[in-house]
Structures are given as C-alpha cells and as structure tokens.
Amino acid sequence: LSGVERKLFALPVGLGGLGISGPVEGSDFEFRASVSVAGDLRRLILDRQSTLDGCRTETVAEVTRDCLKDKEVRMLRKITEIVADPSGGRLKRSITLAQEKG
C-alpha cells in the first residue's frame, strides 16, 4: 500500500475511510488517553480502596471527551494530508465523494 492509501484506510468510515487504523500511528495517543482516563482508578488501587467513592466520573467523562476531540482533529489533519498529496489523483476524488452527505 502507498502512504496515501494507508492514511485513507485509517480514516473513520464517516470521513470516507475504512476505519482500519495502523497500530503504530495511534499507539502513543491511545496510551496517553488510557492513562488519563484510568488515573483515578489507579490511585484508588494504589491506596487499597475497596469502593469507588474517590473516583470522579465527571473527570473520566471530561477526559474521554477531550480525547475524542483530539482524535477528530488528527483525522481531519489526515484528510488534509491526503488531499494535498500530489500522487492521489483519483483517490482524492473518491475521498471527496465519500465525505459528501446526502
């Protein structure tokens, strides 16, 4: 696969891709998101708490929302890179058509 095709396959279906992400590309982001979301639970485990009283669910929801927003920004950057790539030709047209709503 070419670099352009690999980027296209990694895009979500709603953005014209196949949703097949490369594990190397997203691993750092996914690890940081996991650490952020699990921070309170980690602290409770280390403190040997038997209840979830110290876990702030609003914080988990906020971190999750921020992670999803960051992921969306990364996907939009990928689309920009694909469209800007001069070797794309027919592929660019396919992306544009796949993104159209209607």
C-alpha atoms as a PDB file:
ATOM      1  CA  LEU A   1       0.000   0.000   0.000  1.00  0.00           C
ATOM      2  CA  SER A   2       1.103   3.505  -0.667  1.00  0.00           C
ATOM      3  CA  GLY A   3       1.287   6.057   2.128  1.00  0.00           C
ATOM      4  CA  VAL A   4      -1.810   7.809   0.810  1.00  0.00           C
ATOM      5  CA  GLU A   5      -3.821   4.585   0.725  1.00  0.00           C
ATOM      6  CA  ARG A   6      -2.691   3.674   4.241  1.00  0.00           C
ATOM      7  CA  LYS A   7      -3.862   7.079   5.512  1.00  0.00           C
ATOM      8  CA  LEU A   8      -7.166   6.654   3.706  1.00  0.00           C
ATOM      9  CA  PHE A   9      -7.772   3.222   5.245  1.00  0.00           C
ATOM     10  CA  ALA A  10      -7.119   4.684   8.704  1.00  0.00           C
ATOM     11  CA  LEU A  11      -9.863   7.307   8.382  1.00  0.00           C
ATOM     12  CA  PRO A  12     -13.217   6.575  10.012  1.00  0.00           C
ATOM     13  CA  VAL A  13     -15.974   5.372   7.688  1.00  0.00           C
ATOM     14  CA  GLY A  14     -17.878   8.635   8.171  1.00  0.00           C
ATOM     15  CA  LEU A  15     -14.910  10.545   6.765  1.00  0.00           C
ATOM     16  CA  GLY A  16     -14.504   8.326   3.710  1.00  0.00           C
ATOM     17  CA  GLY A  17     -12.098   5.730   5.074  1.00  0.00           C
ATOM     18  CA  LEU A  18     -12.356   2.127   6.203  1.00  0.00           C
ATOM     19  CA  GLY A  19     -11.618   2.618   9.900  1.00  0.00           C
ATOM     20  CA  ILE A  20      -8.544   0.344   9.820  1.00  0.00           C
ATOM     21  CA  SER A  21      -6.039   2.265  11.863  1.00  0.00           C
ATOM     22  CA  GLY A  22      -2.346   1.499  11.996  1.00  0.00           C
ATOM     23  CA  PRO A  23      -1.295   0.366  15.465  1.00  0.00           C
ATOM     24  CA  VAL A  24       1.991   2.257  15.337  1.00  0.00           C
ATOM     25  CA  GLU A  25       0.450   5.606  14.386  1.00  0.00           C
ATOM     26  CA  GLY A  26      -2.140   5.743  17.147  1.00  0.00           C
ATOM     27  CA  SER A  27      -0.439   3.836  19.948  1.00  0.00           C
ATOM     28  CA  ASP A  28       1.091   6.859  21.691  1.00  0.00           C
ATOM     29  CA  PHE A  29      -2.191   8.775  21.604  1.00  0.00           C
ATOM     30  CA  GLU A  30      -4.205   5.771  22.810  1.00  0.00           C
ATOM     31  CA  PHE A  31      -1.738   5.096  25.643  1.00  0.00           C
ATOM     32  CA  ARG A  32      -1.942   8.698  26.879  1.00  0.00           C
ATOM     33  CA  ALA A  33      -5.740   8.590  26.691  1.00  0.00           C
ATOM     34  CA  SER A  34      -5.799   5.347  28.668  1.00  0.00           C
ATOM     35  CA  VAL A  35      -3.520   6.747  31.375  1.00  0.00           C
ATOM     36  CA  SER A  36      -5.668   9.883  31.634  1.00  0.00           C
ATOM     37  CA  VAL A  37      -8.943   8.010  31.921  1.00  0.00           C
ATOM     38  CA  ALA A  38      -7.633   5.419  34.379  1.00  0.00           C
ATOM     39  CA  GLY A  39      -5.813   7.902  36.636  1.00  0.00           C
ATOM     40  CA  ASP A  40      -8.416   7.938  39.419  1.00  0.00           C
ATOM     41  CA  LEU A  41      -8.814   4.166  39.351  1.00  0.00           C
ATOM     42  CA  ARG A  42      -5.067   3.708  39.553  1.00  0.00           C
ATOM     43  CA  ARG A  43      -4.922   5.963  42.589  1.00  0.00           C
ATOM     44  CA  LEU A  44      -7.743   4.030  44.293  1.00  0.00           C
ATOM     45  CA  ILE A  45      -5.982   0.726  43.655  1.00  0.00           C
ATOM     46  CA  LEU A  46      -2.663   2.007  44.996  1.00  0.00           C
ATOM     47  CA  ASP A  47      -4.462   3.355  48.093  1.00  0.00           C
ATOM     48  CA  ARG A  48      -6.104  -0.086  48.503  1.00  0.00           C
ATOM     49  CA  GLN A  49      -9.615   1.339  48.458  1.00  0.00           C
ATOM     50  CA  SER A  50     -12.456  -1.174  48.212  1.00  0.00           C
ATOM     51  CA  THR A  51     -15.065   1.281  46.894  1.00  0.00           C
ATOM     52  CA  LEU A  52     -15.224   3.746  44.027  1.00  0.00           C
ATOM     53  CA  ASP A  53     -16.069   6.690  46.283  1.00  0.00           C
ATOM     54  CA  GLY A  54     -12.927   8.567  45.286  1.00  0.00           C
ATOM     55  CA  CYS A  55     -13.484   8.090  41.563  1.00  0.00           C
ATOM     56  CA  ARG A  56     -14.761  11.231  39.872  1.00  0.00           C
ATOM     57  CA  THR A  57     -16.898  10.085  36.947  1.00  0.00           C
ATOM     58  CA  GLU A  58     -17.204  13.636  35.602  1.00  0.00           C
ATOM     59  CA  THR A  59     -13.415  13.757  35.249  1.00  0.00           C
ATOM     60  CA  VAL A  60     -13.419  10.496  33.286  1.00  0.00           C
ATOM     61  CA  ALA A  61     -16.163  11.829  31.019  1.00  0.00           C
ATOM     62  CA  GLU A  62     -14.276  15.091  30.515  1.00  0.00           C
ATOM     63  CA  VAL A  63     -11.004  13.347  29.680  1.00  0.00           C
ATOM     64  CA  THR A  64     -12.812  10.981  27.308  1.00  0.00           C
ATOM     65  CA  ARG A  65     -14.483  13.922  25.564  1.00  0.00           C
ATOM     66  CA  ASP A  66     -11.131  15.705  25.194  1.00  0.00           C
ATOM     67  CA  CYS A  67      -9.512  12.551  23.797  1.00  0.00           C
ATOM     68  CA  LEU A  68     -12.269  12.131  21.234  1.00  0.00           C
ATOM     69  CA  LYS A  69     -11.932  15.768  20.226  1.00  0.00           C
ATOM     70  CA  ASP A  70      -8.174  15.340  19.774  1.00  0.00           C
ATOM     71  CA  LYS A  71      -8.751  12.209  17.711  1.00  0.00           C
ATOM     72  CA  GLU A  72     -11.176  14.068  15.445  1.00  0.00           C
ATOM     73  CA  VAL A  73      -8.616  16.830  14.894  1.00  0.00           C
ATOM     74  CA  ARG A  74      -5.994  14.212  13.964  1.00  0.00           C
ATOM     75  CA  MET A  75      -8.385  12.608  11.466  1.00  0.00           C
ATOM     76  CA  LEU A  76      -9.132  15.947   9.829  1.00  0.00           C
ATOM     77  CA  ARG A  77      -5.376  16.576   9.523  1.00  0.00           C
ATOM     78  CA  LYS A  78      -5.003  13.211   7.805  1.00  0.00           C
ATOM     79  CA  ILE A  79      -7.690  14.162   5.292  1.00  0.00           C
ATOM     80  CA  THR A  80      -5.844  17.404   4.581  1.00  0.00           C
ATOM     81  CA  GLU A  81      -2.596  15.485   4.045  1.00  0.00           C
ATOM     82  CA  ILE A  82      -4.278  13.036   1.675  1.00  0.00           C
ATOM     83  CA  VAL A  83      -5.898  15.766  -0.386  1.00  0.00           C
ATOM     84  CA  ALA A  84      -2.637  17.750  -0.512  1.00  0.00           C
ATOM     85  CA  ASP A  85      -0.631  14.724  -1.723  1.00  0.00           C
ATOM     86  CA  PRO A  86       0.061  15.150  -5.458  1.00  0.00           C
ATOM     87  CA  SER A  87       0.094  11.381  -6.091  1.00  0.00           C
ATOM     88  CA  GLY A  88      -3.543  10.974  -5.014  1.00  0.00           C
ATOM     89  CA  GLY A  89      -5.359  11.684  -8.305  1.00  0.00           C
ATOM     90  CA  ARG A  90      -8.455   9.504  -8.415  1.00  0.00           C
ATOM     91  CA  LEU A  91      -8.105   8.747  -4.726  1.00  0.00           C
ATOM     92  CA  LYS A  92      -8.706  12.404  -3.819  1.00  0.00           C
ATOM     93  CA  ARG A  93     -11.920  12.424  -5.831  1.00  0.00           C
ATOM     94  CA  SER A  94     -13.052   9.236  -4.090  1.00  0.00           C
ATOM     95  CA  ILE A  95     -12.425  10.793  -0.679  1.00  0.00           C
ATOM     96  CA  THR A  96     -14.375  13.885  -1.613  1.00  0.00           C
ATOM     97  CA  LEU A  97     -17.323  11.824  -2.840  1.00  0.00           C
ATOM     98  CA  ALA A  98     -17.274   9.566   0.231  1.00  0.00           C
ATOM     99  CA  GLN A  99     -17.439  12.558   2.550  1.00  0.00           C
ATOM    100  CA  GLU A 100     -20.456  14.132   0.887  1.00  0.00           C
ATOM    101  CA  LYS A 101     -23.642  13.838   2.854  1.00  0.00           C
ATOM    102  CA  GLY A 102     -26.903  13.451   1.093  1.00  0.00           C
END
